[in-house]
């Protein structure tokens, strides 16, 4: 810790210098540093430089206090950025799901490669360095969504470094990130849903699409549905697993089925609809175990593969293009149109808060027309 800090301005050979004095480890430290300002220049700039150096010394004191609090050596602030990111990732291993860990590992590996080439220490990372990282990702053709995901993760890691006293401020704060073009959900109308289900009869897509339309299940929840999640006696379908396609450190992709869902509210149960039960029994093997949705040779069906099959089916049957996830929006909208309360829809969809649910409810043109008609009638009465 530095005590008795004094920073004063002195004239040396026609220039302003800053004379710094403080006590540290029972020793008196003295040194001078140039401001680059001539003595005939405005003293206001000299005073600004003096205050800046003084603020930096007090900030280093604050960081040292944080290091002492966390029982961390202050020298660690001069470690390479890659070493801190790897240490931070190791601390996260026990608190995150396997699929999340694979994604975090890929981001950290990518960032470490960039920072090692720059040779930056943790305390030397600046917003300008993060802007260079952003520009490098743009030059390599990464999407805006991927870049935002990288920076969101790195921001968490650098915030942790600030909390430990290893960094003065988060270098990502203030960095302008590319804007993500938001997908506008376009749920199917009742007529479109009926036509879609008619075309799907007898195909492998019938069951997964029906699960999305009836229960509002996510594509990962559908691919992660296991035979043990079906209670034939009580005629219940439990949502307890989530399937994700991840890439390991070697770059190969694989699917994992986790019992950690997106939110705590995602774990839910539904009555087994007769049509769903019929389709499940048609798929049921002699010894039912493992995932319900399978691809060729009995392998688990990847969510990305299911989404691709759904897009191809819509194209081949001249149906309006929507994402598979838009079927979930369709389910929420259908529930709202039939008078269900937002809180009930929230529980049904497995959302953590009603604000998210409100984003899944989309009024049709006919509903807006009726609302406009009521407003016109009210205005006519006033006039």
Protein backbone atom coordinates (compact mmCIF):
# COMPACT_ATOMS: atom_id res chain seq x y z
CA UNK A 1 0.00 0.00 0.00
CA UNK A 2 1.18 3.50 -0.87
CA UNK A 3 0.90 6.16 1.85
CA UNK A 4 1.78 9.85 2.14
CA UNK A 5 1.34 10.30 -1.60
CA UNK A 6 2.50 13.68 -2.92
CA UNK A 7 2.53 14.72 -6.59
CA UNK A 8 3.91 18.17 -7.38
CA UNK A 9 4.80 20.06 -10.57
CA UNK A 10 8.38 21.31 -11.05
CA UNK A 11 10.26 23.13 -13.83
CA UNK A 12 13.17 21.25 -15.42
CA UNK A 13 15.08 22.58 -18.46
CA UNK A 14 12.12 24.58 -19.75
CA UNK A 15 9.55 21.74 -19.29
CA UNK A 16 7.07 20.79 -16.61
CA UNK A 17 7.81 17.56 -14.75
CA UNK A 18 5.82 15.76 -12.07
CA UNK A 19 7.69 14.85 -8.89
CA UNK A 20 6.08 11.83 -7.21
CA UNK A 21 6.73 10.82 -3.59
CA UNK A 22 5.13 8.13 -1.45
CA UNK A 23 5.92 5.53 1.21
CA UNK A 24 5.61 1.82 0.39
CA UNK A 25 6.88 -1.21 2.32
CA UNK A 26 8.67 1.05 4.83
CA UNK A 27 10.59 2.73 2.01
CA UNK A 28 10.34 6.26 0.61
CA UNK A 29 9.85 6.18 -3.18
CA UNK A 30 10.76 9.24 -5.28
CA UNK A 31 10.75 9.72 -9.04
CA UNK A 32 10.01 12.29 -11.74
CA UNK A 33 8.08 11.90 -14.95
CA UNK A 34 7.77 14.28 -17.88
CA UNK A 35 4.48 15.87 -18.89
CA UNK A 36 5.80 16.93 -22.31
CA UNK A 37 4.52 20.45 -21.59
CA UNK A 38 6.70 23.54 -21.91
CA UNK A 39 6.73 26.04 -19.04
CA UNK A 40 5.16 28.73 -21.25
CA UNK A 41 2.06 26.57 -21.84
CA UNK A 42 -1.14 26.85 -19.83
CA UNK A 43 -0.70 25.65 -16.25
CA UNK A 44 -4.21 24.21 -16.43
CA UNK A 45 -2.91 21.31 -18.53
CA UNK A 46 -0.10 20.73 -16.01
CA UNK A 47 -2.62 20.60 -13.19
CA UNK A 48 -4.77 18.12 -15.16
CA UNK A 49 -1.72 15.86 -15.64
CA UNK A 50 -0.87 16.11 -11.93
CA UNK A 51 -4.39 15.15 -10.89
CA UNK A 52 -4.44 12.29 -13.37
CA UNK A 53 -1.23 10.77 -11.95
CA UNK A 54 -2.54 11.24 -8.41
CA UNK A 55 -5.82 9.51 -9.32
CA UNK A 56 -3.90 6.61 -10.88
CA UNK A 57 -1.87 6.09 -7.71
CA UNK A 58 -5.00 6.08 -5.56
CA UNK A 59 -6.61 3.64 -8.02
CA UNK A 60 -3.63 1.31 -7.70
CA UNK A 61 -4.08 1.49 -3.92
CA UNK A 62 -7.73 0.52 -4.33
CA UNK A 63 -6.76 -2.41 -6.55
CA UNK A 64 -4.16 -3.54 -4.01
CA UNK A 65 -6.82 -3.49 -1.30
CA UNK A 66 -9.06 -5.66 -3.49
CA UNK A 67 -6.20 -8.10 -4.11
CA UNK A 68 -5.58 -8.32 -0.36
CA UNK A 69 -9.28 -8.89 0.23
CA UNK A 70 -9.36 -11.75 -2.32
CA UNK A 71 -5.97 -13.06 -1.13
CA UNK A 72 -4.49 -12.54 -4.60
CA UNK A 73 -0.98 -11.36 -5.38
CA UNK A 74 -0.99 -7.85 -6.94
CA UNK A 75 1.61 -9.09 -9.41
CA UNK A 76 -1.14 -11.11 -11.09
CA UNK A 77 -2.44 -7.96 -12.72
CA UNK A 78 0.59 -8.12 -15.01
CA UNK A 79 -0.14 -11.68 -16.12
CA UNK A 80 -1.07 -12.29 -19.78
CA UNK A 81 -4.75 -11.91 -20.56
CA UNK A 82 -4.92 -15.53 -21.72
CA UNK A 83 -3.78 -16.80 -18.30
CA UNK A 84 -6.55 -14.88 -16.54
CA UNK A 85 -9.22 -16.05 -19.00
CA UNK A 86 -8.19 -19.68 -18.56
CA UNK A 87 -8.19 -19.33 -14.76
CA UNK A 88 -11.61 -17.68 -14.88
CA UNK A 89 -12.93 -20.47 -17.10
CA UNK A 90 -11.67 -23.12 -14.66
CA UNK A 91 -13.58 -21.39 -11.87
CA UNK A 92 -16.77 -21.55 -13.97
CA UNK A 93 -16.63 -25.28 -14.71
CA UNK A 94 -18.64 -26.46 -11.73
CA UNK A 95 -21.38 -23.84 -11.99
CA UNK A 96 -22.39 -24.12 -15.67
CA UNK A 97 -23.87 -26.82 -17.88
CA UNK A 98 -21.68 -28.94 -20.15
CA UNK A 99 -23.05 -27.35 -23.32
CA UNK A 100 -22.38 -23.87 -21.91
CA UNK A 101 -18.85 -24.89 -20.93
CA UNK A 102 -18.12 -26.04 -24.48
CA UNK A 103 -19.29 -22.68 -25.83
CA UNK A 104 -17.31 -20.74 -23.22
CA UNK A 105 -14.18 -22.78 -24.02
CA UNK A 106 -14.43 -21.97 -27.72
CA UNK A 107 -14.77 -18.23 -27.01
CA UNK A 108 -11.87 -18.19 -24.53
CA UNK A 109 -9.63 -20.14 -26.92
CA UNK A 110 -10.40 -17.68 -29.72
CA UNK A 111 -9.78 -14.63 -27.50
CA UNK A 112 -6.55 -16.06 -26.04
CA UNK A 113 -5.11 -16.49 -29.52
CA UNK A 114 -5.74 -12.81 -30.29
CA UNK A 115 -4.37 -11.44 -27.00
CA UNK A 116 -1.29 -13.68 -27.07
CA UNK A 117 -0.41 -12.28 -30.51
CA UNK A 118 -0.72 -8.77 -29.06
CA UNK A 119 1.30 -9.69 -25.96
CA UNK A 120 -1.05 -7.77 -23.66
CA UNK A 121 -0.99 -7.98 -19.87
CA UNK A 122 -4.31 -8.06 -18.05
CA UNK A 123 -3.96 -4.54 -16.62
CA UNK A 124 -2.98 -3.17 -20.06
CA UNK A 125 -6.14 -4.20 -21.91
CA UNK A 126 -7.85 -1.04 -23.13
CA UNK A 127 -11.10 -0.29 -24.99
CA UNK A 128 -8.93 0.32 -28.08
CA UNK A 129 -7.57 -3.25 -27.84
CA UNK A 130 -11.13 -4.59 -27.59
CA UNK A 131 -12.11 -2.55 -30.65
CA UNK A 132 -9.23 -4.19 -32.52
CA UNK A 133 -10.57 -7.59 -31.43
CA UNK A 134 -14.03 -6.62 -32.70
CA UNK A 135 -12.62 -5.43 -36.05
CA UNK A 136 -10.60 -8.64 -36.42
CA UNK A 137 -13.74 -10.74 -35.92
CA UNK A 138 -15.62 -8.63 -38.47
CA UNK A 139 -12.75 -9.06 -40.96
CA UNK A 140 -12.93 -12.85 -40.54
CA UNK A 141 -16.64 -12.77 -41.35
CA UNK A 142 -18.13 -13.47 -37.92
CA UNK A 143 -21.79 -12.49 -37.59
CA UNK A 144 -22.96 -9.65 -35.37
CA UNK A 145 -24.71 -12.15 -33.10
CA UNK A 146 -21.49 -14.18 -32.63
CA UNK A 147 -19.46 -11.04 -31.88
CA UNK A 148 -21.98 -9.92 -29.28
CA UNK A 149 -21.88 -13.36 -27.68
CA UNK A 150 -18.06 -13.20 -27.48
CA UNK A 151 -18.07 -9.74 -25.93
CA UNK A 152 -20.80 -10.57 -23.44
CA UNK A 153 -18.74 -13.49 -22.15
CA UNK A 154 -15.49 -11.50 -22.08
CA UNK A 155 -17.24 -8.68 -20.25
CA UNK A 156 -18.15 -11.10 -17.47
CA UNK A 157 -14.53 -12.30 -17.27
CA UNK A 158 -13.12 -8.76 -17.12
CA UNK A 159 -15.73 -7.72 -14.55
CA UNK A 160 -14.48 -10.56 -12.38
CA UNK A 161 -10.92 -9.25 -12.80
CA UNK A 162 -12.07 -5.78 -11.69
CA UNK A 163 -13.78 -7.25 -8.64
CA UNK A 164 -10.53 -8.98 -7.65
CA UNK A 165 -8.55 -5.74 -8.05
CA UNK A 166 -6.60 -6.99 -11.07
CA UNK A 167 -7.99 -4.42 -13.49
CA UNK A 168 -9.00 -0.79 -13.08
CA UNK A 169 -12.08 -0.87 -15.25
CA UNK A 170 -13.82 -3.13 -17.72
CA UNK A 171 -12.24 -2.46 -21.15
CA UNK A 172 -15.37 -3.58 -22.97
CA UNK A 173 -17.53 -0.78 -21.51
CA UNK A 174 -18.12 1.78 -24.24
CA UNK A 175 -17.04 -0.45 -27.15
CA UNK A 176 -19.54 -0.14 -29.99
CA UNK A 177 -20.66 -3.58 -31.14
CA UNK A 178 -22.31 -4.41 -34.50
CA UNK A 179 -26.07 -4.38 -34.38
CA UNK A 180 -27.92 -7.68 -34.61
CA UNK A 181 -30.79 -7.73 -37.06
CA UNK A 182 -33.67 -9.10 -35.02
CA UNK A 183 -35.77 -11.89 -36.50
CA UNK A 184 -39.42 -10.88 -36.60
CA UNK A 185 -41.56 -13.88 -35.55
CA UNK A 186 -44.40 -14.64 -37.94
CA UNK A 187 -46.71 -17.21 -36.33
CA UNK A 188 -49.10 -19.27 -38.41
CA UNK A 189 -52.79 -18.50 -38.45
CA UNK A 190 -55.35 -21.18 -37.57
CA UNK A 191 -55.90 -21.95 -41.26
CA UNK A 192 -52.16 -22.24 -41.89
CA UNK A 193 -51.75 -24.53 -38.89
CA UNK A 194 -54.49 -26.82 -40.15
CA UNK A 195 -52.97 -26.98 -43.63
CA UNK A 196 -49.51 -27.68 -42.18
CA UNK A 197 -50.76 -30.55 -40.03
CA UNK A 198 -52.66 -32.04 -42.97
CA UNK A 199 -49.49 -32.07 -45.06
CA UNK A 200 -47.45 -33.53 -42.18
CA UNK A 201 -49.57 -36.65 -41.68
CA UNK A 202 -47.55 -39.80 -42.22
CA UNK A 203 -44.18 -38.00 -42.03
CA UNK A 204 -41.47 -38.05 -39.35
CA UNK A 205 -42.02 -34.34 -38.78
CA UNK A 206 -45.63 -34.76 -37.67
CA UNK A 207 -44.84 -35.51 -34.01
CA UNK A 208 -42.18 -32.80 -33.38
CA UNK A 209 -44.28 -30.10 -35.05
CA UNK A 210 -47.36 -31.19 -33.10
CA UNK A 211 -45.37 -30.99 -29.85
CA UNK A 212 -44.33 -27.44 -30.71
CA UNK A 213 -47.85 -26.33 -31.67
CA UNK A 214 -49.70 -28.06 -28.81
CA UNK A 215 -47.25 -27.66 -25.94
CA UNK A 216 -45.04 -24.81 -27.11
CA UNK A 217 -41.95 -26.94 -26.58
CA UNK A 218 -38.56 -25.59 -27.62
CA UNK A 219 -36.72 -27.44 -30.38
CA UNK A 220 -34.06 -28.55 -27.87
CA UNK A 221 -36.76 -29.86 -25.52
CA UNK A 222 -38.34 -31.82 -28.36
CA UNK A 223 -35.05 -33.44 -29.42
CA UNK A 224 -34.22 -34.06 -25.76
CA UNK A 225 -37.55 -35.77 -25.02
CA UNK A 226 -36.83 -39.25 -23.64
CA UNK A 227 -39.08 -42.28 -23.27
CA UNK A 228 -38.81 -42.07 -19.49
CA UNK A 229 -40.44 -38.62 -19.74
CA UNK A 230 -43.67 -40.28 -20.91
CA UNK A 231 -45.97 -41.47 -18.12
CA UNK A 232 -48.34 -43.87 -19.86
CA UNK A 233 -50.37 -44.69 -16.73
CA UNK A 234 -51.11 -41.09 -15.73
CA UNK A 235 -51.06 -39.99 -19.39
CA UNK A 236 -48.56 -37.20 -18.80
CA UNK A 237 -45.69 -35.81 -20.85
CA UNK A 238 -42.84 -34.30 -18.79
CA UNK A 239 -40.38 -31.71 -20.14
CA UNK A 240 -37.18 -32.53 -18.26
CA UNK A 241 -34.37 -32.68 -20.84
CA UNK A 242 -32.78 -30.34 -23.36
CA UNK A 243 -30.69 -31.34 -26.38
CA UNK A 244 -27.97 -29.11 -27.79
CA UNK A 245 -25.50 -29.41 -30.64
CA UNK A 246 -22.06 -28.31 -29.42
CA UNK A 247 -18.53 -28.23 -30.80
CA UNK A 248 -15.67 -29.66 -28.75
CA UNK A 249 -12.12 -28.28 -28.63
CA UNK A 250 -11.12 -30.24 -31.73
CA UNK A 251 -13.94 -28.60 -33.70
CA UNK A 252 -16.08 -31.73 -34.05
CA UNK A 253 -19.76 -31.35 -33.29
CA UNK A 254 -21.77 -33.64 -31.05
CA UNK A 255 -25.15 -33.60 -29.38
CA UNK A 256 -25.58 -33.66 -25.63
CA UNK A 257 -28.81 -34.21 -23.71
CA UNK A 258 -28.85 -32.33 -20.44
CA UNK A 259 -31.33 -32.24 -17.56
CA UNK A 260 -30.52 -28.53 -17.11
CA UNK A 261 -33.21 -26.63 -18.97
CA UNK A 262 -33.10 -23.01 -20.09
CA UNK A 263 -34.85 -21.73 -16.94
CA UNK A 264 -36.22 -23.27 -13.77
CA UNK A 265 -39.72 -22.65 -15.14
CA UNK A 266 -38.93 -24.77 -18.20
CA UNK A 267 -39.46 -27.98 -16.23
CA UNK A 268 -43.19 -28.62 -16.73
CA UNK A 269 -45.75 -31.36 -17.45
CA UNK A 270 -48.66 -31.66 -19.89
CA UNK A 271 -51.63 -34.01 -20.29
CA UNK A 272 -50.93 -36.49 -23.03
CA UNK A 273 -53.01 -35.42 -26.03
CA UNK A 274 -54.68 -38.39 -27.81
CA UNK A 275 -53.06 -37.61 -31.16
CA UNK A 276 -49.66 -37.18 -29.51
CA UNK A 277 -50.12 -40.48 -27.66
CA UNK A 278 -50.99 -42.24 -30.91
CA UNK A 279 -47.89 -40.90 -32.67
CA UNK A 280 -45.70 -41.82 -29.70
CA UNK A 281 -46.98 -45.40 -29.63
CA UNK A 282 -46.24 -45.71 -33.34
CA UNK A 283 -42.62 -44.76 -32.61
CA UNK A 284 -42.27 -46.75 -29.39
CA UNK A 285 -39.60 -49.49 -29.66
CA UNK A 286 -39.80 -52.82 -27.87
CA UNK A 287 -37.52 -51.60 -25.11
CA UNK A 288 -38.16 -47.88 -24.88
CA UNK A 289 -35.16 -45.94 -23.59
CA UNK A 290 -33.18 -42.91 -24.66
CA UNK A 291 -34.46 -40.13 -26.94
CA UNK A 292 -37.84 -40.30 -28.65
CA UNK A 293 -36.70 -38.36 -31.71
CA UNK A 294 -34.11 -40.30 -33.66
CA UNK A 295 -32.43 -39.91 -37.00
CA UNK A 296 -30.92 -42.52 -39.29
CA UNK A 297 -29.54 -45.66 -37.61
CA UNK A 298 -31.28 -44.75 -34.36
CA UNK A 299 -28.94 -41.85 -33.57
CA UNK A 300 -30.34 -38.87 -31.63
CA UNK A 301 -31.90 -36.16 -33.79
CA UNK A 302 -29.93 -32.89 -33.69
CA UNK A 303 -31.95 -29.68 -33.18
CA UNK A 304 -30.23 -28.09 -36.18
CA UNK A 305 -31.10 -31.12 -38.30
CA UNK A 306 -34.74 -30.92 -37.24
CA UNK A 307 -34.85 -27.22 -38.11
CA UNK A 308 -33.33 -27.91 -41.54
CA UNK A 309 -35.85 -30.70 -42.24
CA UNK A 310 -38.70 -28.37 -41.27
CA UNK A 311 -37.46 -25.60 -43.63
CA UNK A 312 -37.10 -28.10 -46.48
CA UNK A 313 -40.60 -29.46 -45.86
CA UNK A 314 -42.17 -25.99 -46.03
CA UNK A 315 -40.33 -25.29 -49.28
CA UNK A 316 -41.34 -28.57 -50.90
CA UNK A 317 -45.02 -28.14 -49.97
CA UNK A 318 -45.22 -24.44 -50.89
CA UNK A 319 -46.02 -23.34 -47.33
CA UNK A 320 -45.13 -19.95 -45.91
CA UNK A 321 -41.58 -19.96 -44.55
CA UNK A 322 -41.21 -19.65 -40.78
CA UNK A 323 -38.55 -20.82 -38.33
CA UNK A 324 -39.23 -23.90 -36.24
CA UNK A 325 -39.08 -21.63 -33.19
CA UNK A 326 -41.97 -19.62 -34.65
CA UNK A 327 -44.19 -22.63 -33.91
CA UNK A 328 -43.62 -21.79 -30.24
CA UNK A 329 -44.75 -18.23 -30.94
CA UNK A 330 -47.77 -19.70 -32.72
CA UNK A 331 -48.67 -21.73 -29.63
CA UNK A 332 -48.50 -18.69 -27.31
CA UNK A 333 -50.51 -16.56 -29.73
CA UNK A 334 -53.19 -19.26 -30.07
CA UNK A 335 -53.53 -19.48 -26.28
CA UNK A 336 -53.94 -15.69 -26.02
CA UNK A 337 -56.55 -15.66 -28.78
CA UNK A 338 -58.56 -18.19 -26.82
CA UNK A 339 -58.68 -15.99 -23.74
CA UNK A 340 -55.84 -17.40 -21.64
CA UNK A 341 -54.25 -15.00 -19.15
CA UNK A 342 -50.62 -13.99 -19.61
CA UNK A 343 -49.61 -15.61 -16.31
CA UNK A 344 -51.18 -18.91 -17.41
CA UNK A 345 -49.41 -18.72 -20.79
CA UNK A 346 -46.15 -17.96 -18.98
CA UNK A 347 -46.41 -21.18 -16.95
CA UNK A 348 -47.50 -23.17 -20.01
CA UNK A 349 -44.55 -21.95 -22.12
CA UNK A 350 -42.01 -22.29 -19.31
CA UNK A 351 -41.00 -18.62 -19.30
CA UNK A 352 -39.24 -17.11 -16.29
CA UNK A 353 -41.19 -13.83 -16.43
CA UNK A 354 -44.35 -12.42 -18.09
CA UNK A 355 -42.34 -9.86 -20.09
CA UNK A 356 -40.84 -12.67 -22.17
CA UNK A 357 -44.31 -14.16 -22.64
CA UNK A 358 -45.65 -10.87 -23.98
CA UNK A 359 -43.05 -11.02 -26.78
CA UNK A 360 -44.50 -14.35 -27.91
CA UNK A 361 -48.06 -13.07 -28.32
CA UNK A 362 -48.77 -11.53 -31.74
CA UNK A 363 -52.23 -10.17 -32.60
CA UNK A 364 -53.55 -10.98 -36.06
CA UNK A 365 -54.67 -8.34 -38.54
CA UNK A 366 -58.32 -9.21 -37.89
CA UNK A 367 -57.85 -8.53 -34.17
CA UNK A 368 -56.28 -5.16 -34.89
CA UNK A 369 -59.16 -4.39 -37.21
CA UNK A 370 -61.69 -5.15 -34.45
CA UNK A 371 -59.74 -2.98 -32.01
CA UNK A 372 -59.72 -0.13 -34.53
CA UNK A 373 -63.45 -0.54 -35.05
CA UNK A 374 -64.10 -0.26 -31.29
CA UNK A 375 -61.92 2.87 -31.15
CA UNK A 376 -63.79 4.42 -34.06
CA UNK A 377 -67.10 3.74 -32.29
CA UNK A 378 -65.80 5.34 -29.09
CA UNK A 379 -64.62 8.44 -30.99
CA UNK A 380 -67.97 8.65 -32.79
CA UNK A 381 -69.78 8.69 -29.43
CA UNK A 382 -67.55 11.51 -28.17
CA UNK A 383 -68.13 13.65 -31.25
